[in-house]
Amino acid sequence: MTARTLILLRHAKAETPGELLDVERRLTDRGRRDASAAGSWLALQGLLPGLVLCSSATRTRQTWHAVATALTREEAALGRDEMSLREDVALAEQAARESEGPPTNEEPAQTTRTAAAAPAAPEVRFVDGLYDAGRTEVIDLLRAVPDSVGTVLVVGHNPTMSDVSLLLSAGTGATIREGLATSGIAVHRVEGSWSATEPGSMPLVTTHTARG
């Protein structure tokens, strides 16, 4: 059975309500930094979504954009580190062979750096209903995810993100003790089909509050 990973992310810190409609509230400077930090943390944890379900509100869209930018940046950095390591190992092995073997007239083998395969970009769906959705609506969205998707990221609002985490982890052990703060992340994992998502079906693996 394949493991399924759910990442619940509350949007980053947004402007206080003013003349704009609530759905149009934008991230503050701190919010943009925190959202970027969330993306970096996800990349370092190897939590790369195959599907993103994002509320269509401005602050959630901006949160995802900052997360996606950081994910791309961190993955590129990790890719360069891995390539450098492979190149160093290959050069060391080549030097060892040349020092041990008899001299030849052949040109030494050249070690070239090849680009690491970039991770596939996730499918991103901006879902109007996630703006004011309750936990039941989110569970319904998860049940409709195809099993070809291993990791889902939901970018939404409180109290729903916290409520969904509490609902899924009920009776399974660890739960979030307090509601998710802005840029708060809850990671759930289970072996099974997305269609089987129901209360108490997906234990909480870890939580994180991103701060930039």
Protein backbone atom coordinates (compact mmCIF):
# COMPACT_ATOMS: atom_id res chain seq x y z
CA MET A 1 0.00 0.00 0.00
CA THR A 2 1.36 3.44 -0.94
CA ALA A 3 1.80 6.10 1.73
CA ARG A 4 -0.29 9.25 1.29
CA THR A 5 0.92 12.53 2.75
CA LEU A 6 -1.30 15.52 3.49
CA ILE A 7 0.17 18.93 4.24
CA LEU A 8 -2.18 21.50 5.75
CA LEU A 9 -0.87 25.06 5.56
CA ARG A 10 -2.58 28.08 7.03
CA HIS A 11 -1.93 31.21 4.98
CA ALA A 12 0.80 33.60 6.11
CA LYS A 13 0.16 36.82 8.01
CA ALA A 14 -2.13 39.18 6.12
CA GLU A 15 -3.09 42.82 6.35
CA THR A 16 -5.68 43.82 8.90
CA PRO A 17 -9.15 44.36 7.44
CA GLY A 18 -9.58 47.80 5.95
CA GLU A 19 -11.47 49.08 2.94
CA LEU A 20 -10.72 45.92 0.97
CA LEU A 21 -13.00 42.93 1.12
CA ASP A 22 -11.68 40.18 3.36
CA VAL A 23 -11.08 37.90 0.39
CA GLU A 24 -8.80 40.58 -1.11
CA ARG A 25 -6.51 41.02 1.92
CA ARG A 26 -2.85 40.76 0.93
CA LEU A 27 0.16 39.41 2.80
CA THR A 28 2.27 41.74 4.87
CA ASP A 29 6.05 41.88 4.40
CA ARG A 30 6.40 39.53 7.34
CA GLY A 31 3.81 37.25 5.79
CA ARG A 32 5.78 36.99 2.57
CA ARG A 33 8.95 36.14 4.50
CA ASP A 34 7.14 33.53 6.59
CA ALA A 35 5.55 31.93 3.52
CA SER A 36 8.96 31.71 1.89
CA ALA A 37 10.31 30.08 5.05
CA ALA A 38 7.47 27.56 4.87
CA GLY A 39 8.51 26.61 1.35
CA SER A 40 12.13 26.21 2.41
CA TRP A 41 11.11 23.97 5.30
CA LEU A 42 8.96 21.78 3.08
CA ALA A 43 11.83 21.37 0.61
CA LEU A 44 14.31 20.46 3.32
CA GLN A 45 11.86 17.89 4.68
CA GLY A 46 11.41 16.39 1.23
CA LEU A 47 7.72 17.29 1.28
CA LEU A 48 7.07 18.10 -2.37
CA PRO A 49 3.39 18.18 -3.31
CA GLY A 50 2.01 16.50 -6.39
CA LEU A 51 -1.25 18.41 -6.04
CA VAL A 52 -1.94 21.80 -4.47
CA LEU A 53 -5.46 22.77 -3.41
CA CYS A 54 -5.37 26.49 -2.67
CA SER A 55 -8.10 28.87 -1.61
CA SER A 56 -8.66 31.52 -4.26
CA ALA A 57 -8.40 34.36 -1.69
CA THR A 58 -5.56 36.79 -2.37
CA ARG A 59 -3.61 35.96 0.80
CA THR A 60 -3.67 32.22 0.17
CA ARG A 61 -2.66 32.63 -3.48
CA GLN A 62 0.23 34.86 -2.40
CA THR A 63 1.19 32.33 0.27
CA TRP A 64 1.37 29.55 -2.32
CA HIS A 65 3.37 31.75 -4.71
CA ALA A 66 6.00 32.43 -2.01
CA VAL A 67 6.04 28.75 -1.01
CA ALA A 68 6.46 27.64 -4.63
CA THR A 69 9.30 30.11 -5.23
CA ALA A 70 11.15 28.89 -2.14
CA LEU A 71 10.56 25.24 -3.05
CA THR A 72 12.08 25.83 -6.48
CA ARG A 73 15.03 27.72 -5.03
CA GLU A 74 15.78 25.11 -2.36
CA GLU A 75 15.41 22.21 -4.80
CA ALA A 76 17.86 23.90 -7.17
CA ALA A 77 20.34 24.39 -4.32
CA LEU A 78 19.97 20.80 -3.18
CA GLY A 79 20.43 19.63 -6.76
CA ARG A 80 23.69 21.58 -7.08
CA ASP A 81 24.96 20.15 -3.79
CA GLU A 82 24.21 16.61 -4.93
CA MET A 83 25.88 17.16 -8.30
CA SER A 84 28.98 18.63 -6.62
CA LEU A 85 29.20 15.64 -4.31
CA ARG A 86 28.85 13.17 -7.19
CA GLU A 87 31.50 15.04 -9.17
CA ASP A 88 33.93 15.03 -6.23
CA VAL A 89 33.46 11.30 -5.71
CA ALA A 90 33.93 10.56 -9.42
CA LEU A 91 37.10 12.65 -9.61
CA ALA A 92 38.51 10.96 -6.51
CA GLU A 93 37.78 7.52 -7.96
CA GLN A 94 39.39 8.52 -11.26
CA ALA A 95 42.51 9.80 -9.51
CA ALA A 96 42.77 6.56 -7.53
CA ARG A 97 42.54 4.47 -10.69
CA GLU A 98 45.20 6.52 -12.46
CA SER A 99 47.60 6.31 -9.51
CA GLU A 100 47.22 2.53 -9.23
CA GLY A 101 47.11 1.47 -12.89
CA PRO A 102 50.00 1.23 -15.37
CA PRO A 103 50.68 4.27 -17.52
CA THR A 104 48.86 4.32 -20.83
CA ASN A 105 48.73 6.52 -23.89
CA GLU A 106 44.99 6.90 -23.52
CA GLU A 107 43.45 10.19 -22.64
CA PRO A 108 42.14 10.21 -19.04
CA ALA A 109 38.42 9.80 -18.77
CA GLN A 110 36.64 13.07 -18.40
CA THR A 111 34.12 13.56 -15.62
CA THR A 112 31.27 15.79 -16.61
CA ARG A 113 28.56 17.29 -14.50
CA THR A 114 25.06 16.44 -15.58
CA ALA A 115 21.99 18.33 -14.54
CA ALA A 116 19.90 16.69 -11.86
CA ALA A 117 16.41 15.84 -12.92
CA ALA A 118 14.04 18.57 -11.79
CA PRO A 119 11.05 17.46 -9.75
CA ALA A 120 7.78 17.55 -11.64
CA ALA A 121 5.79 20.71 -11.04
CA PRO A 122 2.65 20.06 -9.00
CA GLU A 123 -0.84 20.47 -10.34
CA VAL A 124 -2.30 23.60 -8.73
CA ARG A 125 -6.03 24.12 -8.28
CA PHE A 126 -7.38 27.42 -6.95
CA VAL A 127 -10.62 26.42 -5.26
CA ASP A 128 -13.17 29.16 -4.57
CA GLY A 129 -14.95 26.97 -2.04
CA LEU A 130 -11.86 26.69 0.19
CA TYR A 131 -12.25 30.34 1.21
CA ASP A 132 -15.20 29.63 3.48
CA ALA A 133 -15.12 25.83 3.50
CA GLY A 134 -15.61 23.84 6.68
CA ARG A 135 -13.78 20.67 7.55
CA THR A 136 -16.41 18.48 5.85
CA GLU A 137 -15.88 20.22 2.51
CA VAL A 138 -12.11 19.77 2.80
CA ILE A 139 -12.50 16.07 3.57
CA ASP A 140 -14.71 15.74 0.49
CA LEU A 141 -12.03 17.39 -1.65
CA LEU A 142 -9.42 14.96 -0.32
CA ARG A 143 -11.61 11.95 -1.02
CA ALA A 144 -11.73 12.97 -4.68
CA VAL A 145 -7.93 13.05 -5.09
CA PRO A 146 -6.68 10.30 -7.42
CA ASP A 147 -4.37 7.72 -5.85
CA SER A 148 -1.69 8.57 -8.40
CA VAL A 149 -1.01 11.62 -6.20
CA GLY A 150 1.26 10.84 -3.28
CA THR A 151 1.36 14.22 -1.53
CA VAL A 152 -1.33 16.91 -1.31
CA LEU A 153 -0.82 20.45 -0.02
CA VAL A 154 -3.89 22.37 1.09
CA VAL A 155 -3.40 26.13 1.54
CA GLY A 156 -6.35 27.52 3.43
CA HIS A 157 -7.72 29.42 6.38
CA ASN A 158 -8.38 28.96 10.06
CA PRO A 159 -10.27 27.62 11.87
CA THR A 160 -10.76 25.09 9.06
CA MET A 161 -7.11 24.03 8.66
CA SER A 162 -6.80 23.36 12.38
CA ASP A 163 -10.19 21.66 12.50
CA VAL A 164 -9.26 19.31 9.64
CA SER A 165 -6.00 18.37 11.36
CA LEU A 166 -7.79 17.64 14.64
CA LEU A 167 -10.49 15.66 12.86
CA LEU A 168 -8.07 13.48 10.88
CA SER A 169 -5.83 12.74 13.85
CA ALA A 170 -8.63 12.09 16.36
CA GLY A 171 -7.89 8.92 18.30
CA THR A 172 -4.63 8.23 16.45
CA GLY A 173 -2.18 9.67 18.98
CA ALA A 174 -0.61 13.11 18.60
CA THR A 175 -2.78 16.08 17.73
CA ILE A 176 -2.15 19.81 17.44
CA ARG A 177 -2.61 21.23 20.91
CA GLU A 178 -3.44 24.72 19.71
CA GLY A 179 -4.76 26.02 16.45
CA LEU A 180 -2.30 26.54 13.61
CA ALA A 181 -0.71 29.97 13.67
CA THR A 182 -0.23 31.90 10.44
CA SER A 183 2.20 29.93 8.24
CA GLY A 184 1.52 26.95 10.49
CA ILE A 185 1.95 23.50 8.94
CA ALA A 186 0.46 20.15 9.95
CA VAL A 187 1.68 17.01 8.17
CA HIS A 188 -0.45 13.85 8.17
CA ARG A 189 0.44 10.49 6.65
CA VAL A 190 -1.24 7.13 6.16
CA GLU A 191 -1.06 4.11 3.89
CA GLY A 192 -4.26 3.86 1.95
CA SER A 193 -6.46 5.49 -0.64
CA TRP A 194 -7.47 9.14 -0.58
CA SER A 195 -11.05 7.97 -1.04
CA ALA A 196 -10.87 6.41 2.43
CA THR A 197 -10.16 9.76 4.12
CA GLU A 198 -12.39 10.09 7.17
CA PRO A 199 -12.18 11.22 10.81
CA GLY A 200 -9.36 9.50 12.67
CA SER A 201 -7.91 8.02 9.48
CA MET A 202 -4.69 10.01 9.09
CA PRO A 203 -2.25 10.38 12.01
CA LEU A 204 -0.37 13.61 12.58
CA VAL A 205 3.32 13.18 11.75
CA THR A 206 4.73 16.61 12.55
CA THR A 207 3.92 20.30 12.83
CA HIS A 208 5.91 23.42 12.11
CA THR A 209 5.39 27.16 12.32
CA ALA A 210 7.43 28.90 9.62
CA ARG A 211 9.07 32.20 10.41
CA GLY A 212 11.29 34.11 8.04
